[in-house]
Protein backbone atom coordinates (compact mmCIF):
# COMPACT_ATOMS: atom_id res chain seq x y z
CA UNK A 1 -18.66 -40.47 0.72
CA UNK A 2 -20.79 -37.55 -0.45
CA UNK A 3 -18.99 -35.40 -3.00
CA UNK A 4 -19.72 -32.34 -0.91
CA UNK A 5 -17.79 -33.91 1.97
CA UNK A 6 -14.58 -34.49 -0.01
CA UNK A 7 -11.59 -33.10 1.83
CA UNK A 8 -9.89 -30.27 -0.04
CA UNK A 9 -6.36 -31.46 0.66
CA UNK A 10 -7.09 -34.97 -0.61
CA UNK A 11 -8.91 -33.77 -3.72
CA UNK A 12 -6.48 -31.01 -4.68
CA UNK A 13 -2.98 -31.78 -3.35
CA UNK A 14 -1.43 -28.86 -5.23
CA UNK A 15 -3.52 -26.44 -3.20
CA UNK A 16 -1.92 -27.84 -0.08
CA UNK A 17 1.52 -27.26 -1.56
CA UNK A 18 0.60 -23.71 -2.53
CA UNK A 19 -0.69 -23.04 0.97
CA UNK A 20 2.65 -24.25 2.33
CA UNK A 21 4.35 -21.64 0.15
CA UNK A 22 2.17 -18.91 1.63
CA UNK A 23 2.91 -20.06 5.17
CA UNK A 24 6.63 -19.82 4.48
CA UNK A 25 6.41 -16.13 3.56
CA UNK A 26 4.28 -15.21 6.59
CA UNK A 27 6.22 -13.57 9.46
CA UNK A 28 7.61 -15.68 12.30
CA UNK A 29 5.15 -16.11 15.15
CA UNK A 30 2.07 -15.29 13.09
CA UNK A 31 0.07 -18.19 14.55
CA UNK A 32 0.91 -17.24 18.14
CA UNK A 33 -0.15 -13.66 17.42
CA UNK A 34 -3.65 -14.90 16.60
CA UNK A 35 -4.01 -15.69 20.28
CA UNK A 36 -2.10 -12.63 21.52
CA UNK A 37 -4.28 -10.25 19.50
CA UNK A 38 -7.39 -12.25 20.52
CA UNK A 39 -8.28 -13.09 16.93
CA UNK A 40 -8.56 -16.77 17.94
CA UNK A 41 -9.04 -17.09 21.70
CA UNK A 42 -11.27 -20.17 21.51
CA UNK A 43 -11.00 -22.48 18.50
CA UNK A 44 -14.76 -22.64 17.92
CA UNK A 45 -15.38 -23.53 14.28
CA UNK A 46 -11.67 -23.34 13.42
CA UNK A 47 -9.11 -25.89 14.55
CA UNK A 48 -6.14 -23.52 14.17
CA UNK A 49 -5.02 -20.02 13.27
CA UNK A 50 -3.90 -21.38 9.89
CA UNK A 51 -7.41 -22.57 9.08
CA UNK A 52 -8.89 -19.23 10.14
CA UNK A 53 -6.47 -17.28 7.93
CA UNK A 54 -6.99 -19.61 5.00
CA UNK A 55 -10.75 -19.21 5.14
CA UNK A 56 -10.57 -15.43 5.48
CA UNK A 57 -8.20 -15.22 2.50
CA UNK A 58 -10.97 -16.77 0.39
CA UNK A 59 -13.08 -13.74 1.26
CA UNK A 60 -10.29 -11.15 1.06
CA UNK A 61 -8.36 -12.28 -2.00
CA UNK A 62 -11.01 -14.00 -4.11
CA UNK A 63 -13.79 -11.45 -3.71
CA UNK A 64 -16.31 -13.95 -2.35
CA UNK A 65 -19.11 -12.80 -0.08
CA UNK A 66 -19.06 -14.00 3.50
CA UNK A 67 -21.91 -16.39 2.74
CA UNK A 68 -20.12 -17.89 -0.23
CA UNK A 69 -16.90 -18.06 1.79
CA UNK A 70 -18.69 -20.05 4.48
CA UNK A 71 -20.03 -22.44 1.81
CA UNK A 72 -16.60 -22.91 0.27
CA UNK A 73 -15.01 -23.51 3.64
CA UNK A 74 -17.59 -26.18 4.44
CA UNK A 75 -17.41 -27.85 1.02
CA UNK A 76 -13.64 -27.88 1.17
CA UNK A 77 -13.51 -29.45 4.60
CA UNK A 78 -11.79 -26.47 6.18
CA UNK A 79 -14.41 -25.28 8.67
CA UNK A 80 -18.12 -25.37 9.33
CA UNK A 81 -19.24 -21.84 10.19
CA UNK A 82 -22.07 -19.52 9.24
CA UNK A 83 -21.56 -16.25 7.43
CA UNK A 84 -22.55 -14.40 10.64
CA UNK A 85 -19.96 -16.27 12.68
CA UNK A 86 -17.38 -15.60 9.98
CA UNK A 87 -18.13 -11.89 10.10
CA UNK A 88 -17.65 -11.87 13.87
CA UNK A 89 -14.31 -13.59 13.40
CA UNK A 90 -13.28 -11.05 10.77
CA UNK A 91 -14.09 -8.17 13.12
CA UNK A 92 -11.71 -9.60 15.71
CA UNK A 93 -8.88 -10.14 13.20
CA UNK A 94 -8.06 -6.48 12.54
CA UNK A 95 -5.15 -6.26 15.06
CA UNK A 96 -3.84 -9.65 13.88
CA UNK A 97 -3.85 -8.55 10.24
CA UNK A 98 -2.24 -5.22 11.21
CA UNK A 99 0.59 -7.04 13.01
CA UNK A 100 1.30 -9.26 10.00
CA UNK A 101 1.17 -6.26 7.64
CA UNK A 102 3.77 -4.39 9.67
CA UNK A 103 6.01 -7.45 10.01
CA UNK A 104 5.86 -8.22 6.28
CA UNK A 105 6.41 -4.60 5.31
CA UNK A 106 9.36 -4.27 7.68
CA UNK A 107 11.42 -6.78 5.70
CA UNK A 108 10.93 -5.13 2.31
CA UNK A 109 13.67 -2.47 2.26
CA UNK A 110 16.96 -2.56 0.34
CA UNK A 111 19.57 -0.01 -0.67
CA UNK A 112 18.58 2.82 -2.98
CA UNK A 113 19.53 2.92 -6.63
CA UNK A 114 21.96 5.01 -8.60
CA UNK A 115 20.13 8.33 -8.13
CA UNK A 116 21.09 8.54 -4.46
CA UNK A 117 23.40 5.64 -3.51
CA UNK A 118 23.40 4.27 0.02
CA UNK A 119 20.06 5.91 0.86
CA UNK A 120 16.59 4.43 1.27
CA UNK A 121 14.02 6.15 -0.98
CA UNK A 122 10.53 5.92 0.51
CA UNK A 123 7.45 7.52 -1.07
CA UNK A 124 4.70 8.41 1.41
CA UNK A 125 1.09 9.08 0.52
CA UNK A 126 -2.45 8.79 1.81
CA UNK A 127 -5.71 7.61 0.30
CA UNK A 128 -9.36 7.72 1.28
CA UNK A 129 -11.45 4.55 1.53
CA UNK A 130 -15.25 4.87 1.75
CA UNK A 131 -17.83 2.50 3.14
CA UNK A 132 -21.08 1.63 1.29
CA UNK A 133 -23.59 4.43 1.28
CA UNK A 134 -21.30 6.89 3.03
CA UNK A 135 -21.71 10.50 1.94
CA UNK A 136 -18.14 11.32 2.94
CA UNK A 137 -14.85 9.64 3.63
CA UNK A 138 -14.62 6.93 6.25
CA UNK A 139 -11.02 5.78 6.63
CA UNK A 140 -7.63 7.12 5.63
CA UNK A 141 -4.83 4.79 4.55
CA UNK A 142 -1.30 6.09 5.22
CA UNK A 143 1.16 4.26 2.99
CA UNK A 144 4.98 4.15 2.81
CA UNK A 145 6.30 2.62 -0.42
CA UNK A 146 9.94 1.64 -1.03
CA UNK A 147 10.97 3.01 -4.43
CA UNK A 148 13.87 0.56 -4.77
CA UNK A 149 11.99 -2.67 -4.13
CA UNK A 150 8.56 -1.32 -5.20
CA UNK A 151 7.08 -2.87 -2.07
CA UNK A 152 5.07 -1.55 0.86
CA UNK A 153 7.10 -0.68 3.94
CA UNK A 154 4.37 0.63 6.23
CA UNK A 155 0.59 0.77 6.05
CA UNK A 156 -1.45 2.53 8.74
CA UNK A 157 -5.24 2.84 8.90
CA UNK A 158 -6.78 5.79 10.79
CA UNK A 159 -10.10 7.64 10.89
CA UNK A 160 -10.37 10.19 8.11
CA UNK A 161 -10.14 13.16 10.51
CA UNK A 162 -6.49 12.26 11.19
CA UNK A 163 -4.54 14.05 8.48
CA UNK A 164 -1.45 13.11 6.53
CA UNK A 165 1.89 13.58 8.28
CA UNK A 166 5.31 11.97 8.12
CA UNK A 167 5.18 11.79 11.92
CA UNK A 168 2.88 8.74 11.57
CA UNK A 169 5.66 6.65 10.03
CA UNK A 170 8.58 4.90 11.69
CA UNK A 171 11.70 6.38 10.09
CA UNK A 172 15.17 4.83 9.83
CA UNK A 173 18.37 6.92 9.83
CA UNK A 174 19.34 7.63 6.25
CA UNK A 175 15.82 7.42 4.83
CA UNK A 176 14.79 9.92 2.17
CA UNK A 177 11.05 10.47 2.43
CA UNK A 178 9.30 11.76 -0.70
CA UNK A 179 5.81 13.19 -0.25
CA UNK A 180 3.31 15.58 -1.80
CA UNK A 181 2.17 18.94 -0.47
CA UNK A 182 -0.28 17.40 2.03
CA UNK A 183 2.76 16.33 4.09
CA UNK A 184 4.64 19.64 3.75
CA UNK A 185 4.48 20.75 7.37
CA UNK A 186 7.06 21.76 9.92
CA UNK A 187 6.15 18.75 12.08
CA UNK A 188 6.91 16.39 9.19
CA UNK A 189 10.30 17.96 8.55
CA UNK A 190 11.19 17.93 12.26
CA UNK A 191 10.18 14.26 12.59
CA UNK A 192 12.50 13.32 9.74
CA UNK A 193 15.42 15.46 10.92
CA UNK A 194 15.10 14.11 14.47
CA UNK A 195 15.58 10.58 13.09
CA UNK A 196 18.60 11.51 10.91
CA UNK A 197 16.51 11.28 7.74
CA UNK A 198 15.79 13.70 4.90
CA UNK A 199 12.68 14.84 3.05
CA UNK A 200 11.72 15.88 -0.46
CA UNK A 201 8.24 17.43 -0.42
CA UNK A 202 6.21 19.42 -2.86
CA UNK A 203 5.22 22.81 -1.45
CA UNK A 204 3.09 25.80 -2.32
CA UNK A 205 3.64 29.42 -1.32
CA UNK A 206 2.13 29.06 2.15
CA UNK A 207 3.06 25.72 3.69
CA UNK A 208 6.48 25.37 5.40
CA UNK A 209 7.62 28.94 4.54
CA UNK A 210 11.37 29.52 4.26
CA UNK A 211 13.34 32.13 6.16
CA UNK A 212 16.61 33.88 5.36
CA UNK A 213 19.60 34.02 7.70
CA UNK A 214 18.22 37.18 9.37
CA UNK A 215 14.81 35.56 9.96
CA UNK A 216 12.90 37.39 7.21
CA UNK A 217 10.58 35.36 5.03
CA UNK A 218 11.87 34.36 1.60
CA UNK A 219 9.44 35.20 -1.20
CA UNK A 220 9.98 32.57 -3.90
CA UNK A 221 7.73 34.09 -6.55
CA UNK A 222 10.16 36.77 -7.84
CA UNK A 223 12.82 34.10 -8.32
CA UNK A 224 10.35 31.76 -10.01
CA UNK A 225 9.46 34.43 -12.57
CA UNK A 226 13.07 34.48 -13.77
CA UNK A 227 13.06 30.78 -14.67
CA UNK A 228 12.95 29.91 -18.34
CA UNK A 229 11.29 26.78 -19.70
CA UNK A 230 13.25 23.68 -18.60
CA UNK A 231 15.51 25.61 -16.23
CA UNK A 232 15.78 24.43 -12.60
CA UNK A 233 16.32 27.01 -9.87
CA UNK A 234 17.16 26.62 -6.20
CA UNK A 235 17.08 28.78 -3.09
CA UNK A 236 18.54 28.06 0.34
CA UNK A 237 17.08 29.02 3.68
CA UNK A 238 15.64 27.71 6.92
CA UNK A 239 12.36 26.42 8.29
CA UNK A 240 11.65 27.55 11.84
CA UNK A 241 9.66 25.69 14.50
CA UNK A 242 9.54 25.63 18.30
CA UNK A 243 12.68 23.47 18.45
CA UNK A 244 14.82 25.71 16.28
CA UNK A 245 15.85 26.20 12.67
CA UNK A 246 16.29 23.50 10.04
CA UNK A 247 18.29 24.21 6.86
CA UNK A 248 16.34 23.50 3.67
CA UNK A 249 16.45 24.13 -0.07
CA UNK A 250 13.67 24.97 -2.47
CA UNK A 251 14.09 23.57 -6.00
CA UNK A 252 11.73 24.58 -8.79
CA UNK A 253 11.11 24.18 -12.50
CA UNK A 254 8.74 26.02 -14.82
CA UNK A 255 5.81 24.01 -16.13
CA UNK A 256 4.81 23.81 -19.75
CA UNK A 257 2.05 26.20 -20.85
CA UNK A 258 -0.41 23.31 -21.17
CA UNK A 259 0.37 21.88 -17.73
CA UNK A 260 0.27 25.33 -16.14
CA UNK A 261 -3.18 25.94 -17.64
CA UNK A 262 -4.45 22.61 -16.29
CA UNK A 263 -3.15 23.37 -12.81
CA UNK A 264 -4.73 26.82 -12.87
CA UNK A 265 -8.11 25.44 -14.00
CA UNK A 266 -8.01 22.78 -11.29
CA UNK A 267 -7.29 25.36 -8.58
CA UNK A 268 -10.05 27.67 -9.81
CA UNK A 269 -12.51 24.78 -9.99
CA UNK A 270 -11.75 23.69 -6.42
CA UNK A 271 -11.94 27.27 -5.15
CA UNK A 272 -15.32 27.79 -6.80
CA UNK A 273 -16.64 24.56 -5.33
CA UNK A 274 -15.58 25.64 -1.82
CA UNK A 275 -16.66 29.29 -2.36
CA UNK A 276 -13.15 30.59 -1.78
CA UNK A 277 -11.24 33.46 -3.37
CA UNK A 278 -7.86 32.64 -4.90
CA UNK A 279 -5.09 35.23 -4.62
CA UNK A 280 -3.39 36.31 -7.86
CA UNK A 281 0.01 35.18 -6.54
CA UNK A 282 -1.40 31.73 -5.81
CA UNK A 283 -2.74 31.44 -9.36
CA UNK A 284 0.60 32.54 -10.77
CA UNK A 285 2.47 29.97 -8.66
CA UNK A 286 0.55 27.14 -10.36
CA UNK A 287 2.85 27.70 -13.34
CA UNK A 288 5.79 26.29 -11.40
CA UNK A 289 6.61 22.99 -9.71
CA UNK A 290 8.35 23.59 -6.38
CA UNK A 291 9.77 21.06 -3.91
CA UNK A 292 11.49 21.57 -0.59
CA UNK A 293 14.26 19.31 0.68
CA UNK A 294 16.69 18.91 3.55
CA UNK A 295 19.24 17.35 1.16
CA UNK A 296 21.67 20.25 0.90
CA UNK A 297 24.36 18.71 -1.33
CA UNK A 298 22.55 16.74 -4.04
CA UNK A 299 22.19 18.57 -7.39
CA UNK A 300 18.85 20.29 -7.93
CA UNK A 301 18.26 18.19 -11.03
CA UNK A 302 18.63 15.02 -8.92
CA UNK A 303 16.12 16.35 -6.38
CA UNK A 304 13.55 16.97 -9.11
CA UNK A 305 14.19 13.55 -10.66
CA UNK A 306 13.80 11.84 -7.28
CA UNK A 307 10.45 13.53 -6.71
CA UNK A 308 9.27 12.40 -10.14
CA UNK A 309 9.61 8.80 -8.93
CA UNK A 310 7.00 9.48 -6.23
CA UNK A 311 4.41 8.65 -8.89
CA UNK A 312 5.08 4.97 -8.17
CA UNK A 313 3.08 5.17 -4.95
CA UNK A 314 0.13 6.59 -6.93
CA UNK A 315 0.34 3.60 -9.27
CA UNK A 316 0.43 1.32 -6.23
CA UNK A 317 -2.86 2.77 -4.99
CA UNK A 318 -4.38 2.25 -8.43
CA UNK A 319 -3.29 -1.40 -8.38
CA UNK A 320 -4.68 -1.91 -4.88
CA UNK A 321 -8.01 -0.34 -5.74
CA UNK A 322 -8.45 -2.15 -9.05
CA UNK A 323 -6.96 -5.61 -8.50
CA UNK A 324 -7.82 -6.00 -4.81
CA UNK A 325 -10.96 -3.81 -4.75
CA UNK A 326 -9.47 -1.71 -1.97
CA UNK A 327 -11.29 1.49 -2.89
CA UNK A 328 -14.71 0.55 -1.52
CA UNK A 329 -15.28 -1.02 1.86
CA UNK A 330 -17.73 -3.91 2.06
CA UNK A 331 -18.40 -3.56 5.80
CA UNK A 332 -20.52 -0.80 7.31
CA UNK A 333 -19.49 -1.75 10.86
CA UNK A 334 -16.40 0.35 11.83
CA UNK A 335 -14.53 -2.53 13.46
CA UNK A 336 -15.36 -4.86 10.60
CA UNK A 337 -14.38 -2.21 8.02
CA UNK A 338 -10.97 -1.70 9.59
CA UNK A 339 -10.38 -5.47 9.83
CA UNK A 340 -11.39 -5.89 6.15
CA UNK A 341 -9.02 -3.11 5.11
CA UNK A 342 -6.13 -4.58 7.12
CA UNK A 343 -6.88 -7.95 5.54
CA UNK A 344 -6.70 -6.45 2.04
CA UNK A 345 -3.32 -4.95 2.86
CA UNK A 346 -2.18 -8.36 4.09
CA UNK A 347 -3.21 -9.90 0.75
CA UNK A 348 -1.28 -7.19 -1.14
CA UNK A 349 1.86 -7.85 0.89
CA UNK A 350 1.53 -11.60 0.47
CA UNK A 351 1.37 -11.05 -3.30
CA UNK A 352 4.57 -8.97 -3.10
CA UNK A 353 6.29 -11.69 -1.08
CA UNK A 354 5.19 -14.46 -3.43
CA UNK A 355 6.39 -12.54 -6.49
CA UNK A 356 9.76 -11.94 -4.82
CA UNK A 357 9.93 -15.60 -3.85
CA UNK A 358 9.07 -16.69 -7.38
CA UNK A 359 12.00 -14.73 -8.77
CA UNK A 360 14.36 -16.86 -6.67
CA UNK A 361 12.77 -20.28 -7.30
CA UNK A 362 15.28 -22.98 -8.21
CA UNK A 363 14.89 -25.06 -11.39
CA UNK A 364 15.02 -28.28 -9.40
CA UNK A 365 11.62 -27.51 -7.96
CA UNK A 366 11.93 -26.64 -4.27
CA UNK A 367 12.83 -23.78 -1.93
CA UNK A 368 14.39 -23.92 1.55
CA UNK A 369 14.47 -27.72 1.48
CA UNK A 370 10.71 -28.10 1.01
CA UNK A 371 9.78 -30.19 -2.08
CA UNK A 372 7.46 -28.70 -4.66
CA UNK A 373 5.43 -30.63 -7.22
CA UNK A 374 7.89 -31.78 -9.91
CA UNK A 375 5.74 -30.55 -12.77
CA UNK A 376 5.56 -26.96 -11.63
CA UNK A 377 8.27 -24.32 -11.44
CA UNK A 378 6.12 -21.67 -9.80
CA UNK A 379 3.71 -23.39 -7.43
CA UNK A 380 1.87 -20.21 -6.59
CA UNK A 381 0.73 -19.73 -10.19
CA UNK A 382 -2.80 -20.62 -11.27
CA UNK A 383 -3.82 -24.17 -12.20
CA UNK A 384 -4.40 -23.34 -15.86
CA UNK A 385 -1.54 -23.22 -18.43
CA UNK A 386 -2.62 -19.77 -19.55
CA UNK A 387 -2.26 -18.48 -15.98
CA UNK A 388 1.31 -19.79 -15.86
CA UNK A 389 2.03 -18.12 -19.18
CA UNK A 390 0.65 -14.86 -17.84
CA UNK A 391 2.88 -15.19 -14.79
CA UNK A 392 5.96 -15.49 -17.02
CA UNK A 393 4.95 -12.31 -18.83
CA UNK A 394 4.55 -10.51 -15.45
CA UNK A 395 1.01 -9.42 -16.22
CA UNK A 396 -1.13 -7.99 -13.36
CA UNK A 397 -3.83 -10.64 -13.87
CA UNK A 398 -1.43 -13.34 -12.77
CA UNK A 399 -0.35 -11.35 -9.75
CA UNK A 400 -3.67 -11.90 -8.03
CA UNK A 401 -3.75 -15.61 -8.81
CA UNK A 402 -1.06 -16.81 -6.32
CA UNK A 403 -2.97 -15.84 -3.20
CA UNK A 404 -6.36 -17.03 -4.39
CA UNK A 405 -5.26 -20.47 -5.55
CA UNK A 406 -3.98 -21.90 -2.25
CA UNK A 407 -7.13 -20.99 -0.37
CA UNK A 408 -9.89 -21.67 -2.88
CA UNK A 409 -10.64 -22.97 -6.36
CA UNK A 410 -9.78 -20.17 -8.74
CA UNK A 411 -11.12 -20.43 -12.27
CA UNK A 412 -12.18 -16.89 -12.96
CA UNK A 413 -8.86 -14.96 -12.98
CA UNK A 414 -8.20 -12.16 -10.50
CA UNK A 415 -10.50 -10.60 -7.93
CA UNK A 416 -14.13 -10.82 -8.94
CA UNK A 417 -17.55 -10.11 -7.58
CA UNK A 418 -19.09 -12.90 -5.57
CA UNK A 419 -21.86 -15.03 -6.96
CA UNK A 420 -24.75 -16.39 -4.94
CA UNK A 421 -23.80 -18.71 -2.09
CA UNK A 422 -26.40 -21.19 -3.25
CA UNK A 423 -24.35 -21.70 -6.41
CA UNK A 424 -20.76 -22.11 -5.29
CA UNK A 425 -18.20 -22.29 -8.06
CA UNK A 426 -16.28 -25.19 -6.57
CA UNK A 427 -14.73 -26.53 -3.42
CA UNK A 428 -12.49 -24.39 -1.25
């Protein structure tokens, strides 16, 4: 038998075991959804939905080009397809990936921590993803991140002209949604209140203005001027929309002189770039950090501390864009770009699931009655001893390894740029 025709499962049995681990963390019915979403209507080139997903994960998780992915799939005995055919398949997989992303994210919530017991803390944010050569933004990623489990709960991809709003997310009763000023709108507050949830959102002087009992607008700036360094102030009022009034609180703290100067410079720089005039009151307000919340009983210090934890979703975007190369689309075709982005989110959620699964692995070497190789405690770790050591130290480099290993030979660490297809690095 020609070496290039060696079957991957026969040559590398551990990769088969690792792939079994991945299949166990995928949502129920994922193979049937390949047909329902028309990702795999006719099994041309792929004998099953599992084979299709495994091949596409080589491209999505390992950073290989479509041409190199096709070579690896052929050399590994998975499928014989061209890079063009693989691209067409990828374009059709967007809805399938989106379904799996939502199903995986839906199982990631737990109870909140000590700051606000018995409540779900969810940080919401948005990020722009650009396609190659684009002069502006192409897609917007709307992301809901559980601050207790540090896992994605919802991920939604829309055209960039669709702005950020909490109304895009499915909300559970009891949720506490934490968001920046881009989400501070009456519609966002109403969507949360209508679902028996609460919000903590950063605001400026103009968005979601507060009213007093008599309906007059509350001017926060005079009260902000009375705050001393480190002091937290709060003001109660209402936000009015077409459906009625909603009780809210504004909580604020004075920034340090250095941070206030940075905020002022940033505002002036943006205003100059857009040829806009900044009002003196707006410049003065940059010296304070103000949030608005529908939580009427929690101490103001707790509200400010809860908002501080919103930074975790910013770190999540940094991880996605660096480790998974999420920040720059590789497809100029709109349908292909959306499918690629949904696939990257699927890889990120699979990594989260595998890490969570690894924390509950048993020392006798198997999970849920399925045997694992006796010489390995974490079968989704890399083949090399140093990769296993990195996994035990919880380093980001090892986080990418679990998904890449079961679908392709992985000798170069985390996501990398693809080499030429004529020089494949090893069998798939």
